[in-house]
Amino acid sequence: MSNKTRSMIKWISVIIVVLCVIMHLQLIIIPAIIAYKTWLLVAAYVMLLLTSK
């Protein structure tokens, strides 16, 4: 996996975590994904694990 791909996946996972935190603070409410908030955090963590060397 190239460094550019690794960097992009890391940024996506960070964006997912920030979105989940904002949803938890109830600043933004997205009804379609609010039920999957925990699984989004798990997916973001897995993406970070996959990109680690």
N, C-alpha and C. Protein backbone atom coordinates (compact mmCIF):
# COMPACT_ATOMS: atom_id res chain seq x y z
N MET A 1 0.85 -1.16 0.00
CA MET A 1 0.00 0.00 0.00
C MET A 1 0.90 1.24 0.00
N SER A 2 0.59 2.16 -0.88
CA SER A 2 1.43 3.35 -0.98
C SER A 2 1.15 4.32 0.17
N ASN A 3 2.07 5.24 0.36
CA ASN A 3 1.92 6.22 1.44
C ASN A 3 0.73 7.14 1.22
N LYS A 4 0.45 7.45 -0.05
CA LYS A 4 -0.69 8.31 -0.35
C LYS A 4 -2.00 7.62 0.02
N THR A 5 -2.12 6.35 -0.29
CA THR A 5 -3.32 5.58 0.06
C THR A 5 -3.47 5.48 1.57
N ARG A 6 -2.35 5.21 2.24
CA ARG A 6 -2.35 5.12 3.70
C ARG A 6 -2.81 6.42 4.34
N SER A 7 -2.30 7.51 3.84
CA SER A 7 -2.65 8.82 4.36
C SER A 7 -4.14 9.12 4.14
N MET A 8 -4.65 8.76 2.98
CA MET A 8 -6.05 9.01 2.66
C MET A 8 -6.97 8.20 3.58
N ILE A 9 -6.63 6.95 3.83
CA ILE A 9 -7.44 6.11 4.70
C ILE A 9 -7.40 6.63 6.14
N LYS A 10 -6.25 7.12 6.58
CA LYS A 10 -6.15 7.70 7.92
C LYS A 10 -7.04 8.94 8.04
N TRP A 11 -7.03 9.79 7.03
CA TRP A 11 -7.86 11.00 7.06
C TRP A 11 -9.34 10.64 7.07
N ILE A 12 -9.73 9.63 6.31
CA ILE A 12 -11.13 9.19 6.30
C ILE A 12 -11.54 8.70 7.68
N SER A 13 -10.67 7.93 8.32
CA SER A 13 -11.01 7.43 9.65
C SER A 13 -11.11 8.56 10.67
N VAL A 14 -10.25 9.56 10.56
CA VAL A 14 -10.32 10.71 11.47
C VAL A 14 -11.62 11.48 11.24
N ILE A 15 -12.02 11.65 10.01
CA ILE A 15 -13.28 12.34 9.70
C ILE A 15 -14.47 11.58 10.27
N ILE A 16 -14.44 10.25 10.18
CA ILE A 16 -15.52 9.43 10.73
C ILE A 16 -15.60 9.61 12.25
N VAL A 17 -14.45 9.61 12.91
CA VAL A 17 -14.44 9.78 14.38
C VAL A 17 -14.95 11.16 14.77
N VAL A 18 -14.51 12.19 14.07
CA VAL A 18 -14.98 13.55 14.37
C VAL A 18 -16.49 13.66 14.15
N LEU A 19 -16.99 13.05 13.10
CA LEU A 19 -18.43 13.05 12.83
C LEU A 19 -19.19 12.36 13.96
N CYS A 20 -18.66 11.23 14.45
CA CYS A 20 -19.32 10.52 15.55
C CYS A 20 -19.31 11.35 16.84
N VAL A 21 -18.22 12.05 17.10
CA VAL A 21 -18.15 12.90 18.30
C VAL A 21 -19.15 14.04 18.19
N ILE A 22 -19.24 14.65 17.03
CA ILE A 22 -20.19 15.75 16.83
C ILE A 22 -21.62 15.25 16.96
N MET A 23 -21.88 14.03 16.47
CA MET A 23 -23.22 13.46 16.63
C MET A 23 -23.51 13.14 18.09
N HIS A 24 -22.50 12.71 18.83
CA HIS A 24 -22.69 12.42 20.25
C HIS A 24 -22.99 13.69 21.04
N LEU A 25 -22.38 14.80 20.65
CA LEU A 25 -22.63 16.08 21.29
C LEU A 25 -23.94 16.71 20.81
N GLN A 26 -24.60 16.07 19.88
CA GLN A 26 -25.87 16.49 19.30
C GLN A 26 -25.80 17.85 18.63
N LEU A 27 -24.66 18.14 18.03
CA LEU A 27 -24.53 19.35 17.23
C LEU A 27 -25.05 19.10 15.81
N ILE A 28 -24.84 17.89 15.34
CA ILE A 28 -25.35 17.45 14.05
C ILE A 28 -26.06 16.13 14.29
N ILE A 29 -27.25 15.98 13.75
CA ILE A 29 -27.98 14.73 13.90
C ILE A 29 -28.28 14.20 12.50
N ILE A 30 -27.75 13.02 12.20
CA ILE A 30 -28.00 12.35 10.93
C ILE A 30 -28.78 11.07 11.26
N PRO A 31 -30.10 11.09 11.10
CA PRO A 31 -30.91 9.97 11.56
C PRO A 31 -30.58 8.63 10.90
N ALA A 32 -30.10 8.65 9.68
CA ALA A 32 -29.83 7.41 8.97
C ALA A 32 -28.65 6.64 9.55
N ILE A 33 -27.68 7.34 10.15
CA ILE A 33 -26.50 6.64 10.66
C ILE A 33 -26.33 6.73 12.17
N ILE A 34 -27.26 7.36 12.86
CA ILE A 34 -27.11 7.52 14.31
C ILE A 34 -27.16 6.17 15.03
N ALA A 35 -27.86 5.21 14.46
CA ALA A 35 -27.94 3.88 15.08
C ALA A 35 -26.64 3.11 14.91
N TYR A 36 -25.84 3.48 13.94
CA TYR A 36 -24.59 2.76 13.64
C TYR A 36 -23.35 3.50 14.13
N LYS A 37 -23.53 4.42 15.07
CA LYS A 37 -22.42 5.25 15.55
C LYS A 37 -21.27 4.39 16.10
N THR A 38 -21.61 3.37 16.88
CA THR A 38 -20.58 2.50 17.46
C THR A 38 -19.83 1.74 16.37
N TRP A 39 -20.58 1.24 15.40
CA TRP A 39 -19.94 0.48 14.33
C TRP A 39 -19.09 1.36 13.44
N LEU A 40 -19.45 2.62 13.30
CA LEU A 40 -18.61 3.55 12.54
C LEU A 40 -17.27 3.77 13.26
N LEU A 41 -17.31 3.86 14.60
CA LEU A 41 -16.07 4.00 15.36
C LEU A 41 -15.21 2.75 15.24
N VAL A 42 -15.84 1.58 15.27
CA VAL A 42 -15.10 0.33 15.10
C VAL A 42 -14.46 0.28 13.72
N ALA A 43 -15.20 0.67 12.69
CA ALA A 43 -14.67 0.67 11.33
C ALA A 43 -13.49 1.65 11.20
N ALA A 44 -13.61 2.81 11.84
CA ALA A 44 -12.51 3.78 11.79
C ALA A 44 -11.27 3.23 12.48
N TYR A 45 -11.45 2.54 13.59
CA TYR A 45 -10.31 1.94 14.30
C TYR A 45 -9.66 0.85 13.46
N VAL A 46 -10.46 0.04 12.80
CA VAL A 46 -9.92 -1.01 11.94
C VAL A 46 -9.15 -0.40 10.78
N MET A 47 -9.67 0.68 10.21
CA MET A 47 -8.95 1.34 9.12
C MET A 47 -7.60 1.86 9.60
N LEU A 48 -7.54 2.39 10.83
CA LEU A 48 -6.26 2.85 11.36
C LEU A 48 -5.32 1.68 11.59
N LEU A 49 -5.83 0.56 12.05
CA LEU A 49 -4.98 -0.61 12.24
C LEU A 49 -4.44 -1.13 10.91
N LEU A 50 -5.25 -1.08 9.88
CA LEU A 50 -4.81 -1.56 8.57
C LEU A 50 -3.71 -0.68 7.97
N THR A 51 -3.74 0.60 8.30
CA THR A 51 -2.76 1.50 7.70
C THR A 51 -1.48 1.61 8.51
N SER A 52 -1.44 1.01 9.68
CA SER A 52 -0.21 1.09 10.47
C SER A 52 0.84 0.15 9.89
N LYS A 53 2.07 0.54 10.03
CA LYS A 53 3.15 -0.28 9.47
C LYS A 53 3.61 -1.31 10.47
